[in-house]
C-alpha atoms as a PDB file:
ATOM      1  CA  MET A   1       0.000   0.000   0.000  1.00  0.00           C
ATOM      2  CA  SER A   2       1.365   3.376  -1.017  1.00  0.00           C
ATOM      3  CA  SER A   3       1.571   6.266   1.418  1.00  0.00           C
ATOM      4  CA  ARG A   4       0.900   8.919  -1.222  1.00  0.00           C
ATOM      5  CA  SER A   5      -2.625   9.838  -2.238  1.00  0.00           C
ATOM      6  CA  ASP A   6      -3.986   9.016  -5.681  1.00  0.00           C
ATOM      7  CA  SER A   7      -4.166  12.724  -6.566  1.00  0.00           C
ATOM      8  CA  GLU A   8      -0.388  13.173  -6.252  1.00  0.00           C
ATOM      9  CA  GLU A   9       1.622  12.789  -9.414  1.00  0.00           C
ATOM     10  CA  PRO A  10       4.579  10.415  -9.273  1.00  0.00           C
ATOM     11  CA  GLU A  11       7.980  12.072  -9.097  1.00  0.00           C
ATOM     12  CA  TRP A  12       9.275  12.595 -12.585  1.00  0.00           C
ATOM     13  CA  ARG A  13      12.880  13.271 -13.488  1.00  0.00           C
ATOM     14  CA  LEU A  14      14.352  14.936 -16.533  1.00  0.00           C
ATOM     15  CA  PRO A  15      16.708  12.796 -18.601  1.00  0.00           C
ATOM     16  CA  TRP A  16      20.374  13.587 -17.825  1.00  0.00           C
ATOM     17  CA  TRP A  17      20.958  15.284 -21.199  1.00  0.00           C
ATOM     18  CA  LEU A  18      18.015  17.663 -20.658  1.00  0.00           C
ATOM     19  CA  LYS A  19      19.259  18.426 -17.138  1.00  0.00           C
ATOM     20  CA  PHE A  20      22.635  19.286 -18.654  1.00  0.00           C
ATOM     21  CA  LEU A  21      21.041  21.506 -21.307  1.00  0.00           C
ATOM     22  CA  ASP A  22      18.960  23.191 -18.610  1.00  0.00           C
ATOM     23  CA  LYS A  23      22.181  24.244 -16.834  1.00  0.00           C
ATOM     24  CA  THR A  24      24.350  25.138 -19.841  1.00  0.00           C
ATOM     25  CA  ASN A  25      24.759  28.699 -18.602  1.00  0.00           C
ATOM     26  CA  ILE A  26      27.133  27.396 -15.901  1.00  0.00           C
ATOM     27  CA  THR A  27      29.216  25.492 -18.463  1.00  0.00           C
ATOM     28  CA  VAL A  28      29.317  28.387 -20.927  1.00  0.00           C
ATOM     29  CA  VAL A  29      30.307  30.975 -18.297  1.00  0.00           C
ATOM     30  CA  THR A  30      33.031  28.700 -16.891  1.00  0.00           C
ATOM     31  CA  LEU A  31      34.519  27.913 -20.329  1.00  0.00           C
ATOM     32  CA  THR A  32      34.394  31.566 -21.370  1.00  0.00           C
ATOM     33  CA  ALA A  33      36.083  32.775 -18.177  1.00  0.00           C
ATOM     34  CA  GLY A  34      38.754  30.091 -18.521  1.00  0.00           C
ATOM     35  CA  PHE A  35      39.414  31.044 -22.140  1.00  0.00           C
ATOM     36  CA  LEU A  36      39.708  34.732 -21.211  1.00  0.00           C
ATOM     37  CA  LEU A  37      42.144  33.962 -18.382  1.00  0.00           C
ATOM     38  CA  TYR A  38      44.183  31.655 -20.628  1.00  0.00           C
ATOM     39  CA  THR A  39      44.521  34.026 -23.597  1.00  0.00           C
ATOM     40  CA  GLN A  40      44.460  37.348 -21.734  1.00  0.00           C
ATOM     41  CA  SER A  41      43.332  38.704 -25.079  1.00  0.00           C
ATOM     42  CA  ALA A  42      41.664  42.084 -25.588  1.00  0.00           C
ATOM     43  CA  GLY A  43      39.655  40.466 -28.375  1.00  0.00           C
ATOM     44  CA  VAL A  44      38.321  37.784 -26.035  1.00  0.00           C
ATOM     45  CA  ALA A  45      37.581  40.439 -23.375  1.00  0.00           C
ATOM     46  CA  TYR A  46      35.645  42.377 -26.030  1.00  0.00           C
ATOM     47  CA  PHE A  47      33.751  39.195 -26.960  1.00  0.00           C
ATOM     48  CA  VAL A  48      32.871  38.629 -23.277  1.00  0.00           C
ATOM     49  CA  ALA A  49      31.682  42.244 -22.968  1.00  0.00           C
ATOM     50  CA  GLY A  50      29.472  41.571 -26.000  1.00  0.00           C
ATOM     51  CA  ALA A  51      28.024  38.448 -24.404  1.00  0.00           C
ATOM     52  CA  VAL A  52      27.152  40.373 -21.240  1.00  0.00           C
ATOM     53  CA  SER A  53      25.718  43.253 -23.297  1.00  0.00           C
ATOM     54  CA  CYS A  54      23.623  40.902 -25.434  1.00  0.00           C
ATOM     55  CA  MET A  55      22.230  39.127 -22.394  1.00  0.00           C
ATOM     56  CA  SER A  56      21.460  42.432 -20.655  1.00  0.00           C
ATOM     57  CA  ALA A  57      19.734  43.808 -23.753  1.00  0.00           C
ATOM     58  CA  VAL A  58      17.568  40.690 -24.073  1.00  0.00           C
ATOM     59  CA  LYS A  59      16.577  40.925 -20.404  1.00  0.00           C
ATOM     60  CA  LEU A  60      15.644  44.590 -20.865  1.00  0.00           C
ATOM     61  CA  ILE A  61      13.532  43.785 -23.933  1.00  0.00           C
ATOM     62  CA  LYS A  62      11.905  40.964 -21.974  1.00  0.00           C
ATOM     63  CA  LYS A  63      10.825  43.434 -19.274  1.00  0.00           C
ATOM     64  CA  LEU A  64       9.412  45.791 -21.904  1.00  0.00           C
ATOM     65  CA  ILE A  65       7.438  43.120 -23.789  1.00  0.00           C
ATOM     66  CA  ARG A  66       6.271  41.280 -20.634  1.00  0.00           C
ATOM     67  CA  GLN A  67       5.082  38.132 -22.418  1.00  0.00           C
ATOM     68  CA  GLU A  68       4.438  35.176 -20.133  1.00  0.00           C
ATOM     69  CA  ARG A  69       6.242  31.874 -20.447  1.00  0.00           C
ATOM     70  CA  PRO A  70       4.351  28.773 -21.597  1.00  0.00           C
ATOM     71  CA  GLU A  71       2.684  26.413 -19.168  1.00  0.00           C
ATOM     72  CA  VAL A  72       5.180  23.889 -17.822  1.00  0.00           C
ATOM     73  CA  LYS A  73       4.729  20.434 -19.315  1.00  0.00           C
ATOM     74  CA  TRP A  74       7.057  18.473 -17.013  1.00  0.00           C
ATOM     75  CA  PRO A  75       5.514  17.165 -13.779  1.00  0.00           C
ATOM     76  CA  GLY A  76       7.147  18.609 -10.691  1.00  0.00           C
ATOM     77  CA  LYS A  77       8.679  21.607 -12.514  1.00  0.00           C
ATOM     78  CA  ARG A  78       7.380  25.106 -11.901  1.00  0.00           C
ATOM     79  CA  ARG A  79       7.157  27.912 -14.419  1.00  0.00           C
ATOM     80  CA  LYS A  80       9.964  30.437 -14.082  1.00  0.00           C
ATOM     81  CA  LYS A  81       8.901  33.776 -12.660  1.00  0.00           C
ATOM     82  CA  THR A  82      10.567  35.925 -15.325  1.00  0.00           C
ATOM     83  CA  TYR A  83       9.014  36.827 -18.658  1.00  0.00           C
ATOM     84  CA  GLY A  84       9.617  34.699 -21.741  1.00  0.00           C
ATOM     85  CA  MET A  85       9.871  36.937 -24.830  1.00  0.00           C
ATOM     86  CA  PRO A  86      12.611  36.799 -26.088  1.00  0.00           C
ATOM     87  CA  SER A  87      14.545  33.821 -24.755  1.00  0.00           C
ATOM     88  CA  THR A  88      17.755  34.979 -23.040  1.00  0.00           C
ATOM     89  CA  HIS A  89      19.459  31.593 -23.484  1.00  0.00           C
ATOM     90  CA  SER A  90      18.627  31.583 -27.199  1.00  0.00           C
ATOM     91  CA  GLY A  91      19.833  35.152 -27.674  1.00  0.00           C
ATOM     92  CA  SER A  92      23.081  34.435 -25.843  1.00  0.00           C
ATOM     93  CA  VAL A  93      23.903  31.184 -27.657  1.00  0.00           C
ATOM     94  CA  ALA A  94      23.073  32.761 -31.019  1.00  0.00           C
ATOM     95  CA  TYR A  95      25.468  35.608 -30.156  1.00  0.00           C
ATOM     96  CA  TYR A  96      28.157  33.069 -29.201  1.00  0.00           C
ATOM     97  CA  ALA A  97      27.643  31.027 -32.360  1.00  0.00           C
ATOM     98  CA  THR A  98      27.635  34.084 -34.624  1.00  0.00           C
ATOM     99  CA  TYR A  99      30.623  35.865 -33.114  1.00  0.00           C
ATOM    100  CA  ILE A 100      32.787  32.749 -32.705  1.00  0.00           C
ATOM    101  CA  THR A 101      32.107  31.661 -36.288  1.00  0.00           C
ATOM    102  CA  LEU A 102      32.944  35.120 -37.677  1.00  0.00           C
ATOM    103  CA  ALA A 103      36.068  35.378 -35.503  1.00  0.00           C
ATOM    104  CA  SER A 104      37.228  31.909 -36.594  1.00  0.00           C
ATOM    105  CA  LEU A 105      36.797  32.817 -40.250  1.00  0.00           C
ATOM    106  CA  TYR A 106      38.083  36.384 -40.341  1.00  0.00           C
ATOM    107  CA  LEU A 107      40.295  37.271 -37.361  1.00  0.00           C
ATOM    108  CA  PRO A 108      43.928  36.274 -36.891  1.00  0.00           C
ATOM    109  CA  VAL A 109      44.511  33.378 -34.510  1.00  0.00           C
ATOM    110  CA  HIS A 110      45.720  34.705 -31.142  1.00  0.00           C
ATOM    111  CA  ASP A 111      49.356  33.910 -30.366  1.00  0.00           C
ATOM    112  CA  THR A 112      48.396  31.867 -27.272  1.00  0.00           C
ATOM    113  CA  LEU A 113      46.502  29.378 -29.463  1.00  0.00           C
ATOM    114  CA  PRO A 114      47.860  26.716 -31.838  1.00  0.00           C
ATOM    115  CA  GLN A 115      48.486  28.186 -35.287  1.00  0.00           C
ATOM    116  CA  SER A 116      46.618  25.457 -37.129  1.00  0.00           C
ATOM    117  CA  TRP A 117      43.700  25.140 -39.511  1.00  0.00           C
ATOM    118  CA  LEU A 118      41.959  23.174 -36.726  1.00  0.00           C
ATOM    119  CA  THR A 119      41.939  26.321 -34.587  1.00  0.00           C
ATOM    120  CA  ARG A 120      39.805  27.951 -37.281  1.00  0.00           C
ATOM    121  CA  ILE A 121      37.536  25.007 -38.125  1.00  0.00           C
ATOM    122  CA  LEU A 122      36.906  23.342 -34.753  1.00  0.00           C
ATOM    123  CA  PRO A 123      35.162  26.221 -32.889  1.00  0.00           C
ATOM    124  CA  PRO A 124      32.325  26.640 -35.451  1.00  0.00           C
ATOM    125  CA  LEU A 125      31.951  22.859 -35.759  1.00  0.00           C
ATOM    126  CA  VAL A 126      31.383  22.671 -31.999  1.00  0.00           C
ATOM    127  CA  ILE A 127      29.449  25.874 -31.300  1.00  0.00           C
ATOM    128  CA  LEU A 128      26.921  25.821 -34.167  1.00  0.00           C
ATOM    129  CA  PRO A 129      25.288  22.455 -33.359  1.00  0.00           C
ATOM    130  CA  MET A 130      25.598  23.119 -29.615  1.00  0.00           C
ATOM    131  CA  ALA A 131      23.875  26.499 -29.961  1.00  0.00           C
ATOM    132  CA  GLY A 132      21.056  24.933 -31.965  1.00  0.00           C
ATOM    133  CA  LEU A 133      20.619  22.188 -29.375  1.00  0.00           C
ATOM    134  CA  ILE A 134      20.558  24.673 -26.481  1.00  0.00           C
ATOM    135  CA  ALA A 135      18.010  26.890 -28.259  1.00  0.00           C
ATOM    136  CA  VAL A 136      15.715  23.953 -29.062  1.00  0.00           C
ATOM    137  CA  SER A 137      16.072  22.643 -25.502  1.00  0.00           C
ATOM    138  CA  ARG A 138      14.374  25.804 -24.229  1.00  0.00           C
ATOM    139  CA  VAL A 139      11.170  24.607 -25.925  1.00  0.00           C
ATOM    140  CA  TRP A 140      11.717  20.944 -24.952  1.00  0.00           C
ATOM    141  CA  LEU A 141      12.116  21.991 -21.320  1.00  0.00           C
ATOM    142  CA  GLY A 142       8.956  24.096 -21.505  1.00  0.00           C
ATOM    143  CA  HIS A 143      10.725  27.365 -20.638  1.00  0.00           C
ATOM    144  CA  HIS A 144       9.827  29.101 -23.916  1.00  0.00           C
ATOM    145  CA  THR A 145       7.641  28.930 -26.987  1.00  0.00           C
ATOM    146  CA  TRP A 146       9.043  28.542 -30.490  1.00  0.00           C
ATOM    147  CA  ALA A 147       8.331  32.233 -31.123  1.00  0.00           C
ATOM    148  CA  GLN A 148      10.273  33.271 -27.992  1.00  0.00           C
ATOM    149  CA  VAL A 149      13.233  31.125 -29.022  1.00  0.00           C
ATOM    150  CA  SER A 150      13.126  32.385 -32.625  1.00  0.00           C
ATOM    151  CA  VAL A 151      13.105  36.029 -31.552  1.00  0.00           C
ATOM    152  CA  GLY A 152      15.936  35.354 -29.083  1.00  0.00           C
ATOM    153  CA  CYS A 153      18.044  33.638 -31.773  1.00  0.00           C
ATOM    154  CA  SER A 154      17.353  36.435 -34.270  1.00  0.00           C
ATOM    155  CA  PHE A 155      18.361  39.063 -31.722  1.00  0.00           C
ATOM    156  CA  GLY A 156      21.581  37.190 -30.863  1.00  0.00           C
ATOM    157  CA  LEU A 157      22.455  36.786 -34.549  1.00  0.00           C
ATOM    158  CA  VAL A 158      22.018  40.496 -35.307  1.00  0.00           C
ATOM    159  CA  PHE A 159      23.775  41.525 -32.091  1.00  0.00           C
ATOM    160  CA  GLY A 160      26.705  39.190 -32.827  1.00  0.00           C
ATOM    161  CA  CYS A 161      27.144  40.542 -36.369  1.00  0.00           C
ATOM    162  CA  SER A 162      26.929  44.144 -35.133  1.00  0.00           C
ATOM    163  CA  TRP A 163      29.364  43.554 -32.266  1.00  0.00           C
ATOM    164  CA  PHE A 164      31.824  41.856 -34.637  1.00  0.00           C
ATOM    165  CA  TYR A 165      31.499  44.738 -37.127  1.00  0.00           C
ATOM    166  CA  LEU A 166      32.397  47.260 -34.405  1.00  0.00           C
ATOM    167  CA  TRP A 167      35.498  45.236 -33.507  1.00  0.00           C
ATOM    168  CA  THR A 168      36.713  44.894 -37.079  1.00  0.00           C
ATOM    169  CA  HIS A 169      36.051  48.544 -37.929  1.00  0.00           C
ATOM    170  CA  GLY A 170      38.215  50.312 -35.371  1.00  0.00           C
ATOM    171  CA  LEU A 171      37.875  48.835 -31.900  1.00  0.00           C
ATOM    172  CA  ASN A 172      40.405  46.117 -32.707  1.00  0.00           C
ATOM    173  CA  GLU A 173      43.150  48.759 -32.973  1.00  0.00           C
ATOM    174  CA  LEU A 174      42.317  49.988 -29.487  1.00  0.00           C
ATOM    175  CA  GLY A 175      42.227  46.357 -28.331  1.00  0.00           C
ATOM    176  CA  ILE A 176      45.716  45.701 -29.705  1.00  0.00           C
ATOM    177  CA  ALA A 177      47.076  48.769 -27.885  1.00  0.00           C
ATOM    178  CA  VAL A 178      45.402  47.715 -24.621  1.00  0.00           C
ATOM    179  CA  GLU A 179      46.728  44.169 -24.953  1.00  0.00           C
ATOM    180  CA  GLN A 180      50.286  45.397 -25.593  1.00  0.00           C
ATOM    181  CA  LEU A 181      50.051  47.708 -22.587  1.00  0.00           C
ATOM    182  CA  TRP A 182      48.805  44.802 -20.447  1.00  0.00           C
ATOM    183  CA  LYS A 183      51.645  42.532 -21.610  1.00  0.00           C
ATOM    184  CA  SER A 184      54.288  45.190 -20.923  1.00  0.00           C
ATOM    185  CA  HIS A 185      52.798  45.714 -17.451  1.00  0.00           C
ATOM    186  CA  LEU A 186      52.985  41.954 -16.786  1.00  0.00           C
ATOM    187  CA  ASP A 187      56.575  41.826 -18.108  1.00  0.00           C
ATOM    188  CA  CYS A 188      57.588  44.601 -15.688  1.00  0.00           C
ATOM    189  CA  TYR A 189      55.804  42.878 -12.818  1.00  0.00           C
ATOM    190  CA  TYR A 190      57.462  39.482 -13.419  1.00  0.00           C
ATOM    191  CA  ARG A 191      60.953  40.963 -13.885  1.00  0.00           C
ATOM    192  CA  ARG A 192      60.989  42.236 -10.295  1.00  0.00           C
END
């Protein structure tokens, strides 16, 4: 005889791969921070500033539009309290996918990275399918509608192209100067 009443739903658990996709923000932030610390590149710092700006812009738009999230379809999960239009995860991963692909194709490989054709090809091969999977998972998990995900992805794509354009049309020169200044400061510090 069971101790729970018939009206209670049985405990339901997400499959491990959906749990992982539900928490990708932790993985993405950790990998991005590690890459920035490893390269100490002004270009990577600019990319990170773009990611934060994109996410902040999406959250601001979300507060202006104020569209509710869909009803949760997974037993035991509650609807998030924030608004749903556009999807912040989708906007962010679309920004990542756009900017990383453009950088891999058009920017010089940073001197801290292997100077190989793999350094140019591998990032888009990893980020493009991963970004698509993360965006689709927002609907699978019941956090967003297809429209919310589509608008988020469109925003991230446009933001990524615009942010890349700003870098390649003048800000990169400032970035090079800042990076050289940083390296000379570190050289002086370590020579003591």
